[in-house]
Amino acid sequence: MKLALSLLLVTLALCCSDANAKVCPALHNEARSSLLDIKPLFYSILKTFSAPEPAYQSTMAVKYCIDRMSFSDRHKIYDVMEALVDKCNE
């Protein structure tokens, strides 16, 4: 559960900063995918970003931890994230 809370706090910090309150669609898609999608689909979304391979591997390690939560818990987290995104994009 600590991982989920951390993910929500990071999303809030990125979404609702004073500099730019609009949520980047790519970040939103990646966060949604990390919570709800299967690993191969999430990995293909990650590959749209140009990053070194260790970054992909560490992100997939986080995805492994997220996948250990029940789907209903992950969906609840996603619902909170959606509410934050909606609030930030007003």
PDB file of N, CA and C in Angstrom:
ATOM      1  N   MET A   1       0.818  -1.186   0.000  1.00  0.00           N
ATOM      2  CA  MET A   1       0.000   0.000   0.000  1.00  0.00           C
ATOM      3  C   MET A   1       0.865   1.255   0.000  1.00  0.00           C
ATOM      4  N   LYS A   2       2.066   1.181   0.559  1.00  0.00           N
ATOM      5  CA  LYS A   2       2.958   2.329   0.557  1.00  0.00           C
ATOM      6  C   LYS A   2       3.330   2.720  -0.865  1.00  0.00           C
ATOM      7  N   LEU A   3       3.491   1.728  -1.746  1.00  0.00           N
ATOM      8  CA  LEU A   3       3.811   1.993  -3.140  1.00  0.00           C
ATOM      9  C   LEU A   3       2.675   2.764  -3.807  1.00  0.00           C
ATOM     10  N   ALA A   4       1.455   2.375  -3.535  1.00  0.00           N
ATOM     11  CA  ALA A   4       0.303   3.047  -4.129  1.00  0.00           C
ATOM     12  C   ALA A   4       0.226   4.494  -3.660  1.00  0.00           C
ATOM     13  N   LEU A   5       0.447   4.717  -2.390  1.00  0.00           N
ATOM     14  CA  LEU A   5       0.426   6.071  -1.852  1.00  0.00           C
ATOM     15  C   LEU A   5       1.525   6.911  -2.494  1.00  0.00           C
ATOM     16  N   SER A   6       2.697   6.330  -2.655  1.00  0.00           N
ATOM     17  CA  SER A   6       3.802   7.048  -3.300  1.00  0.00           C
ATOM     18  C   SER A   6       3.447   7.418  -4.721  1.00  0.00           C
ATOM     19  N   LEU A   7       2.847   6.479  -5.449  1.00  0.00           N
ATOM     20  CA  LEU A   7       2.442   6.740  -6.830  1.00  0.00           C
ATOM     21  C   LEU A   7       1.428   7.879  -6.897  1.00  0.00           C
ATOM     22  N   LEU A   8       0.477   7.887  -5.984  1.00  0.00           N
ATOM     23  CA  LEU A   8      -0.512   8.955  -5.964  1.00  0.00           C
ATOM     24  C   LEU A   8       0.115  10.307  -5.645  1.00  0.00           C
ATOM     25  N   LEU A   9       1.050  10.331  -4.700  1.00  0.00           N
ATOM     26  CA  LEU A   9       1.693  11.592  -4.348  1.00  0.00           C
ATOM     27  C   LEU A   9       2.534  12.133  -5.501  1.00  0.00           C
ATOM     28  N   VAL A  10       3.232  11.256  -6.199  1.00  0.00           N
ATOM     29  CA  VAL A  10       4.025  11.689  -7.347  1.00  0.00           C
ATOM     30  C   VAL A  10       3.110  12.211  -8.445  1.00  0.00           C
ATOM     31  N   THR A  11       2.007  11.497  -8.689  1.00  0.00           N
ATOM     32  CA  THR A  11       1.049  11.949  -9.702  1.00  0.00           C
ATOM     33  C   THR A  11       0.491  13.315  -9.338  1.00  0.00           C
ATOM     34  N   LEU A  12       0.143  13.492  -8.083  1.00  0.00           N
ATOM     35  CA  LEU A  12      -0.364  14.789  -7.630  1.00  0.00           C
ATOM     36  C   LEU A  12       0.685  15.880  -7.815  1.00  0.00           C
ATOM     37  N   ALA A  13       1.919  15.594  -7.454  1.00  0.00           N
ATOM     38  CA  ALA A  13       2.983  16.590  -7.584  1.00  0.00           C
ATOM     39  C   ALA A  13       3.216  16.967  -9.044  1.00  0.00           C
ATOM     40  N   LEU A  14       3.184  15.973  -9.934  1.00  0.00           N
ATOM     41  CA  LEU A  14       3.410  16.251 -11.347  1.00  0.00           C
ATOM     42  C   LEU A  14       2.215  16.941 -11.992  1.00  0.00           C
ATOM     43  N   CYS A  15       1.040  16.571 -11.570  1.00  0.00           N
ATOM     44  CA  CYS A  15      -0.169  17.106 -12.204  1.00  0.00           C
ATOM     45  C   CYS A  15      -0.501  18.516 -11.760  1.00  0.00           C
ATOM     46  N   CYS A  16      -0.316  18.802 -10.524  1.00  0.00           N
ATOM     47  CA  CYS A  16      -0.850  20.042  -9.966  1.00  0.00           C
ATOM     48  C   CYS A  16       0.232  21.007  -9.501  1.00  0.00           C
ATOM     49  N   SER A  17       1.341  21.024 -10.201  1.00  0.00           N
ATOM     50  CA  SER A  17       2.366  21.998  -9.844  1.00  0.00           C
ATOM     51  C   SER A  17       1.929  23.378 -10.304  1.00  0.00           C
ATOM     52  N   ASP A  18       2.496  24.413  -9.730  1.00  0.00           N
ATOM     53  CA  ASP A  18       2.137  25.775 -10.105  1.00  0.00           C
ATOM     54  C   ASP A  18       2.598  26.113 -11.519  1.00  0.00           C
ATOM     55  N   ALA A  19       3.667  25.490 -11.976  1.00  0.00           N
ATOM     56  CA  ALA A  19       4.221  25.815 -13.286  1.00  0.00           C
ATOM     57  C   ALA A  19       3.287  25.398 -14.414  1.00  0.00           C
ATOM     58  N   ASN A  20       2.699  24.225 -14.302  1.00  0.00           N
ATOM     59  CA  ASN A  20       1.828  23.727 -15.364  1.00  0.00           C
ATOM     60  C   ASN A  20       0.861  22.725 -14.754  1.00  0.00           C
ATOM     61  N   ALA A  21      -0.379  23.113 -14.677  1.00  0.00           N
ATOM     62  CA  ALA A  21      -1.366  22.254 -14.036  1.00  0.00           C
ATOM     63  C   ALA A  21      -1.966  21.234 -14.986  1.00  0.00           C
ATOM     64  N   LYS A  22      -1.719  21.359 -16.295  1.00  0.00           N
ATOM     65  CA  LYS A  22      -2.260  20.407 -17.261  1.00  0.00           C
ATOM     66  C   LYS A  22      -1.469  19.109 -17.203  1.00  0.00           C
ATOM     67  N   VAL A  23      -2.193  18.000 -17.236  1.00  0.00           N
ATOM     68  CA  VAL A  23      -1.546  16.689 -17.189  1.00  0.00           C
ATOM     69  C   VAL A  23      -1.109  16.303 -18.593  1.00  0.00           C
ATOM     70  N   CYS A  24       0.136  15.932 -18.720  1.00  0.00           N
ATOM     71  CA  CYS A  24       0.668  15.466 -19.996  1.00  0.00           C
ATOM     72  C   CYS A  24      -0.054  14.169 -20.375  1.00  0.00           C
ATOM     73  N   PRO A  25      -0.621  14.076 -21.580  1.00  0.00           N
ATOM     74  CA  PRO A  25      -1.330  12.854 -21.976  1.00  0.00           C
ATOM     75  C   PRO A  25      -0.455  11.600 -21.930  1.00  0.00           C
ATOM     76  N   ALA A  26       0.818  11.739 -22.249  1.00  0.00           N
ATOM     77  CA  ALA A  26       1.716  10.580 -22.210  1.00  0.00           C
ATOM     78  C   ALA A  26       1.910  10.089 -20.776  1.00  0.00           C
ATOM     79  N   LEU A  27       2.042  11.016 -19.825  1.00  0.00           N
ATOM     80  CA  LEU A  27       2.172  10.636 -18.419  1.00  0.00           C
ATOM     81  C   LEU A  27       0.893   9.980 -17.926  1.00  0.00           C
ATOM     82  N   HIS A  28      -0.231  10.534 -18.314  1.00  0.00           N
ATOM     83  CA  HIS A  28      -1.519   9.975 -17.901  1.00  0.00           C
ATOM     84  C   HIS A  28      -1.673   8.546 -18.443  1.00  0.00           C
ATOM     85  N   ASN A  29      -1.330   8.345 -19.697  1.00  0.00           N
ATOM     86  CA  ASN A  29      -1.429   7.029 -20.315  1.00  0.00           C
ATOM     87  C   ASN A  29      -0.490   6.029 -19.641  1.00  0.00           C
ATOM     88  N   GLU A  30       0.720   6.461 -19.331  1.00  0.00           N
ATOM     89  CA  GLU A  30       1.695   5.577 -18.681  1.00  0.00           C
ATOM     90  C   GLU A  30       1.244   5.212 -17.265  1.00  0.00           C
ATOM     91  N   ALA A  31       0.705   6.172 -16.531  1.00  0.00           N
ATOM     92  CA  ALA A  31       0.243   5.898 -15.166  1.00  0.00           C
ATOM     93  C   ALA A  31      -0.957   4.953 -15.178  1.00  0.00           C
ATOM     94  N   ARG A  32      -1.881   5.185 -16.111  1.00  0.00           N
ATOM     95  CA  ARG A  32      -3.040   4.295 -16.234  1.00  0.00           C
ATOM     96  C   ARG A  32      -2.594   2.884 -16.589  1.00  0.00           C
ATOM     97  N   SER A  33      -1.681   2.794 -17.522  1.00  0.00           N
ATOM     98  CA  SER A  33      -1.197   1.490 -17.962  1.00  0.00           C
ATOM     99  C   SER A  33      -0.466   0.757 -16.840  1.00  0.00           C
ATOM    100  N   SER A  34       0.291   1.500 -16.040  1.00  0.00           N
ATOM    101  CA  SER A  34       1.025   0.850 -14.950  1.00  0.00           C
ATOM    102  C   SER A  34       0.077   0.232 -13.929  1.00  0.00           C
ATOM    103  N   LEU A  35      -1.095   0.823 -13.778  1.00  0.00           N
ATOM    104  CA  LEU A  35      -2.058   0.298 -12.816  1.00  0.00           C
ATOM    105  C   LEU A  35      -2.950  -0.798 -13.391  1.00  0.00           C
ATOM    106  N   LEU A  36      -3.362  -0.675 -14.644  1.00  0.00           N
ATOM    107  CA  LEU A  36      -4.435  -1.525 -15.145  1.00  0.00           C
ATOM    108  C   LEU A  36      -4.038  -2.510 -16.244  1.00  0.00           C
ATOM    109  N   ASP A  37      -2.992  -2.232 -16.994  1.00  0.00           N
ATOM    110  CA  ASP A  37      -2.657  -3.075 -18.141  1.00  0.00           C
ATOM    111  C   ASP A  37      -1.758  -4.244 -17.758  1.00  0.00           C
ATOM    112  N   ILE A  38      -1.697  -5.216 -18.668  1.00  0.00           N
ATOM    113  CA  ILE A  38      -0.797  -6.354 -18.477  1.00  0.00           C
ATOM    114  C   ILE A  38       0.630  -5.924 -18.825  1.00  0.00           C
ATOM    115  N   LYS A  39       1.604  -6.686 -18.365  1.00  0.00           N
ATOM    116  CA  LYS A  39       3.010  -6.307 -18.520  1.00  0.00           C
ATOM    117  C   LYS A  39       3.435  -6.063 -19.964  1.00  0.00           C
ATOM    118  N   PRO A  40       3.102  -6.952 -20.923  1.00  0.00           N
ATOM    119  CA  PRO A  40       3.567  -6.690 -22.304  1.00  0.00           C
ATOM    120  C   PRO A  40       3.024  -5.384 -22.892  1.00  0.00           C
ATOM    121  N   LEU A  41       1.774  -5.073 -22.606  1.00  0.00           N
ATOM    122  CA  LEU A  41       1.198  -3.826 -23.108  1.00  0.00           C
ATOM    123  C   LEU A  41       1.846  -2.621 -22.428  1.00  0.00           C
ATOM    124  N   PHE A  42       2.058  -2.708 -21.133  1.00  0.00           N
ATOM    125  CA  PHE A  42       2.713  -1.627 -20.406  1.00  0.00           C
ATOM    126  C   PHE A  42       4.127  -1.400 -20.942  1.00  0.00           C
ATOM    127  N   TYR A  43       4.845  -2.486 -21.210  1.00  0.00           N
ATOM    128  CA  TYR A  43       6.214  -2.373 -21.723  1.00  0.00           C
ATOM    129  C   TYR A  43       6.213  -1.691 -23.092  1.00  0.00           C
ATOM    130  N   SER A  44       5.242  -2.012 -23.942  1.00  0.00           N
ATOM    131  CA  SER A  44       5.190  -1.365 -25.259  1.00  0.00           C
ATOM    132  C   SER A  44       4.901   0.128 -25.124  1.00  0.00           C
ATOM    133  N   ILE A  45       4.114   0.510 -24.140  1.00  0.00           N
ATOM    134  CA  ILE A  45       3.865   1.935 -23.899  1.00  0.00           C
ATOM    135  C   ILE A  45       5.135   2.613 -23.384  1.00  0.00           C
ATOM    136  N   LEU A  46       5.868   1.932 -22.517  1.00  0.00           N
ATOM    137  CA  LEU A  46       7.127   2.491 -22.012  1.00  0.00           C
ATOM    138  C   LEU A  46       8.128   2.727 -23.129  1.00  0.00           C
ATOM    139  N   LYS A  47       8.139   1.832 -24.101  1.00  0.00           N
ATOM    140  CA  LYS A  47       9.114   1.936 -25.188  1.00  0.00           C
ATOM    141  C   LYS A  47       8.872   3.147 -26.077  1.00  0.00           C
ATOM    142  N   THR A  48       7.733   3.819 -25.931  1.00  0.00           N
ATOM    143  CA  THR A  48       7.509   5.041 -26.701  1.00  0.00           C
ATOM    144  C   THR A  48       8.379   6.185 -26.185  1.00  0.00           C
ATOM    145  N   PHE A  49       8.905   6.045 -24.957  1.00  0.00           N
ATOM    146  CA  PHE A  49       9.814   7.036 -24.395  1.00  0.00           C
ATOM    147  C   PHE A  49      11.239   6.600 -24.699  1.00  0.00           C
ATOM    148  N   SER A  50      12.083   7.552 -25.006  1.00  0.00           N
ATOM    149  CA  SER A  50      13.488   7.204 -25.244  1.00  0.00           C
ATOM    150  C   SER A  50      14.227   7.287 -23.912  1.00  0.00           C
ATOM    151  N   ALA A  51      14.523   6.125 -23.378  1.00  0.00           N
ATOM    152  CA  ALA A  51      15.212   6.039 -22.091  1.00  0.00           C
ATOM    153  C   ALA A  51      16.197   4.873 -22.148  1.00  0.00           C
ATOM    154  N   PRO A  52      17.201   4.869 -21.295  1.00  0.00           N
ATOM    155  CA  PRO A  52      18.129   3.738 -21.267  1.00  0.00           C
ATOM    156  C   PRO A  52      17.434   2.473 -20.749  1.00  0.00           C
ATOM    157  N   GLU A  53      17.937   1.342 -21.141  1.00  0.00           N
ATOM    158  CA  GLU A  53      17.336   0.058 -20.773  1.00  0.00           C
ATOM    159  C   GLU A  53      17.196  -0.135 -19.257  1.00  0.00           C
ATOM    160  N   PRO A  54      18.162   0.287 -18.439  1.00  0.00           N
ATOM    161  CA  PRO A  54      17.957   0.135 -16.987  1.00  0.00           C
ATOM    162  C   PRO A  54      16.716   0.872 -16.473  1.00  0.00           C
ATOM    163  N   ALA A  55      16.348   1.972 -17.107  1.00  0.00           N
ATOM    164  CA  ALA A  55      15.137   2.692 -16.691  1.00  0.00           C
ATOM    165  C   ALA A  55      13.902   1.845 -16.972  1.00  0.00           C
ATOM    166  N   TYR A  56      13.874   1.179 -18.125  1.00  0.00           N
ATOM    167  CA  TYR A  56      12.754   0.299 -18.439  1.00  0.00           C
ATOM    168  C   TYR A  56      12.683  -0.865 -17.448  1.00  0.00           C
ATOM    169  N   GLN A  57      13.838  -1.431 -17.141  1.00  0.00           N
ATOM    170  CA  GLN A  57      13.865  -2.582 -16.231  1.00  0.00           C
ATOM    171  C   GLN A  57      13.410  -2.196 -14.830  1.00  0.00           C
ATOM    172  N   SER A  58      13.825  -1.046 -14.355  1.00  0.00           N
ATOM    173  CA  SER A  58      13.406  -0.632 -13.009  1.00  0.00           C
ATOM    174  C   SER A  58      11.907  -0.306 -12.985  1.00  0.00           C
ATOM    175  N   THR A  59      11.401   0.272 -14.058  1.00  0.00           N
ATOM    176  CA  THR A  59       9.967   0.551 -14.126  1.00  0.00           C
ATOM    177  C   THR A  59       9.165  -0.736 -14.169  1.00  0.00           C
ATOM    178  N   MET A  60       9.680  -1.743 -14.870  1.00  0.00           N
ATOM    179  CA  MET A  60       9.000  -3.033 -14.917  1.00  0.00           C
ATOM    180  C   MET A  60       9.046  -3.714 -13.545  1.00  0.00           C
ATOM    181  N   ALA A  61      10.094  -3.465 -12.762  1.00  0.00           N
ATOM    182  CA  ALA A  61      10.152  -4.005 -11.399  1.00  0.00           C
ATOM    183  C   ALA A  61       9.064  -3.372 -10.536  1.00  0.00           C
ATOM    184  N   VAL A  62       8.821  -2.084 -10.717  1.00  0.00           N
ATOM    185  CA  VAL A  62       7.733  -1.420 -10.002  1.00  0.00           C
ATOM    186  C   VAL A  62       6.394  -1.993 -10.457  1.00  0.00           C
ATOM    187  N   LYS A  63       6.259  -2.236 -11.764  1.00  0.00           N
ATOM    188  CA  LYS A  63       5.024  -2.822 -12.303  1.00  0.00           C
ATOM    189  C   LYS A  63       4.773  -4.192 -11.661  1.00  0.00           C
ATOM    190  N   TYR A  64       5.818  -4.961 -11.460  1.00  0.00           N
ATOM    191  CA  TYR A  64       5.679  -6.264 -10.802  1.00  0.00           C
ATOM    192  C   TYR A  64       5.080  -6.092  -9.405  1.00  0.00           C
ATOM    193  N   CYS A  65       5.538  -5.097  -8.674  1.00  0.00           N
ATOM    194  CA  CYS A  65       5.001  -4.845  -7.334  1.00  0.00           C
ATOM    195  C   CYS A  65       3.542  -4.384  -7.402  1.00  0.00           C
ATOM    196  N   ILE A  66       3.240  -3.532  -8.359  1.00  0.00           N
ATOM    197  CA  ILE A  66       1.861  -3.058  -8.516  1.00  0.00           C
ATOM    198  C   ILE A  66       0.939  -4.224  -8.837  1.00  0.00           C
ATOM    199  N   ASP A  67       1.393  -5.124  -9.701  1.00  0.00           N
ATOM    200  CA  ASP A  67       0.562  -6.264 -10.102  1.00  0.00           C
ATOM    201  C   ASP A  67       0.268  -7.227  -8.953  1.00  0.00           C
ATOM    202  N   ARG A  68       1.011  -7.142  -7.883  1.00  0.00           N
ATOM    203  CA  ARG A  68       0.758  -8.002  -6.732  1.00  0.00           C
ATOM    204  C   ARG A  68      -0.444  -7.531  -5.920  1.00  0.00           C
ATOM    205  N   MET A  69      -0.897  -6.292  -6.154  1.00  0.00           N
ATOM    206  CA  MET A  69      -2.116  -5.798  -5.508  1.00  0.00           C
ATOM    207  C   MET A  69      -3.327  -6.364  -6.250  1.00  0.00           C
ATOM    208  N   SER A  70      -4.429  -6.435  -5.576  1.00  0.00           N
ATOM    209  CA  SER A  70      -5.646  -6.913  -6.242  1.00  0.00           C
ATOM    210  C   SER A  70      -6.083  -5.897  -7.292  1.00  0.00           C
ATOM    211  N   PHE A  71      -6.770  -6.405  -8.315  1.00  0.00           N
ATOM    212  CA  PHE A  71      -7.218  -5.512  -9.386  1.00  0.00           C
ATOM    213  C   PHE A  71      -8.197  -4.471  -8.854  1.00  0.00           C
ATOM    214  N   SER A  72      -9.032  -4.849  -7.918  1.00  0.00           N
ATOM    215  CA  SER A  72      -9.993  -3.876  -7.379  1.00  0.00           C
ATOM    216  C   SER A  72      -9.269  -2.740  -6.640  1.00  0.00           C
ATOM    217  N   ASP A  73      -8.198  -3.060  -5.920  1.00  0.00           N
ATOM    218  CA  ASP A  73      -7.421  -2.008  -5.257  1.00  0.00           C
ATOM    219  C   ASP A  73      -6.740  -1.098  -6.273  1.00  0.00           C
ATOM    220  N   ARG A  74      -6.186  -1.719  -7.335  1.00  0.00           N
ATOM    221  CA  ARG A  74      -5.546  -0.920  -8.374  1.00  0.00           C
ATOM    222  C   ARG A  74      -6.569  -0.021  -9.062  1.00  0.00           C
ATOM    223  N   HIS A  75      -7.772  -0.529  -9.248  1.00  0.00           N
ATOM    224  CA  HIS A  75      -8.794   0.289  -9.897  1.00  0.00           C
ATOM    225  C   HIS A  75      -9.235   1.438  -8.993  1.00  0.00           C
ATOM    226  N   LYS A  76      -9.279   1.225  -7.693  1.00  0.00           N
ATOM    227  CA  LYS A  76      -9.591   2.309  -6.759  1.00  0.00           C
ATOM    228  C   LYS A  76      -8.529   3.403  -6.837  1.00  0.00           C
ATOM    229  N   ILE A  77      -7.269   2.997  -6.909  1.00  0.00           N
ATOM    230  CA  ILE A  77      -6.175   3.964  -7.038  1.00  0.00           C
ATOM    231  C   ILE A  77      -6.316   4.730  -8.342  1.00  0.00           C
ATOM    232  N   TYR A  78      -6.664   3.999  -9.408  1.00  0.00           N
ATOM    233  CA  TYR A  78      -6.864   4.652 -10.700  1.00  0.00           C
ATOM    234  C   TYR A  78      -8.004   5.671 -10.632  1.00  0.00           C
ATOM    235  N   ASP A  79      -9.080   5.345  -9.937  1.00  0.00           N
ATOM    236  CA  ASP A  79     -10.197   6.275  -9.802  1.00  0.00           C
ATOM    237  C   ASP A  79      -9.771   7.559  -9.092  1.00  0.00           C
ATOM    238  N   VAL A  80      -8.943   7.420  -8.057  1.00  0.00           N
ATOM    239  CA  VAL A  80      -8.422   8.603  -7.360  1.00  0.00           C
ATOM    240  C   VAL A  80      -7.526   9.403  -8.300  1.00  0.00           C
ATOM    241  N   MET A  81      -6.686   8.707  -9.056  1.00  0.00           N
ATOM    242  CA  MET A  81      -5.806   9.380 -10.007  1.00  0.00           C
ATOM    243  C   MET A  81      -6.627  10.142 -11.053  1.00  0.00           C
ATOM    244  N   GLU A  82      -7.698   9.542 -11.542  1.00  0.00           N
ATOM    245  CA  GLU A  82      -8.566  10.201 -12.513  1.00  0.00           C
ATOM    246  C   GLU A  82      -9.193  11.460 -11.921  1.00  0.00           C
ATOM    247  N   ALA A  83      -9.596  11.395 -10.668  1.00  0.00           N
ATOM    248  CA  ALA A  83     -10.170  12.569 -10.010  1.00  0.00           C
ATOM    249  C   ALA A  83      -9.118  13.689  -9.918  1.00  0.00           C
ATOM    250  N   LEU A  84      -7.880  13.312  -9.616  1.00  0.00           N
ATOM    251  CA  LEU A  84      -6.807  14.309  -9.563  1.00  0.00           C
ATOM    252  C   LEU A  84      -6.548  14.915 -10.939  1.00  0.00           C
ATOM    253  N   VAL A  85      -6.522  14.075 -11.950  1.00  0.00           N
ATOM    254  CA  VAL A  85      -6.286  14.555 -13.312  1.00  0.00           C
ATOM    255  C   VAL A  85      -7.400  15.517 -13.728  1.00  0.00           C
ATOM    256  N   ASP A  86      -8.636  15.147 -13.446  1.00  0.00           N
ATOM    257  CA  ASP A  86      -9.765  16.016 -13.778  1.00  0.00           C
ATOM    258  C   ASP A  86      -9.645  17.354 -13.056  1.00  0.00           C
ATOM    259  N   LYS A  87      -9.263  17.312 -11.797  1.00  0.00           N
ATOM    260  CA  LYS A  87      -9.112  18.534 -11.014  1.00  0.00           C
ATOM    261  C   LYS A  87      -7.985  19.410 -11.574  1.00  0.00           C
ATOM    262  N   CYS A  88      -6.887  18.771 -11.959  1.00  0.00           N
ATOM    263  CA  CYS A  88      -5.741  19.516 -12.484  1.00  0.00           C
ATOM    264  C   CYS A  88      -6.009  20.086 -13.866  1.00  0.00           C
ATOM    265  N   ASN A  89      -6.830  19.424 -14.647  1.00  0.00           N
ATOM    266  CA  ASN A  89      -7.081  19.873 -16.019  1.00  0.00           C
ATOM    267  C   ASN A  89      -8.227  20.876 -16.134  1.00  0.00           C
ATOM    268  N   GLU A  90      -8.809  21.271 -15.025  1.00  0.00           N
ATOM    269  CA  GLU A  90      -9.912  22.246 -15.072  1.00  0.00           C
ATOM    270  C   GLU A  90      -9.437  23.577 -15.601  1.00  0.00           C
TER     271      GLU A  90
END
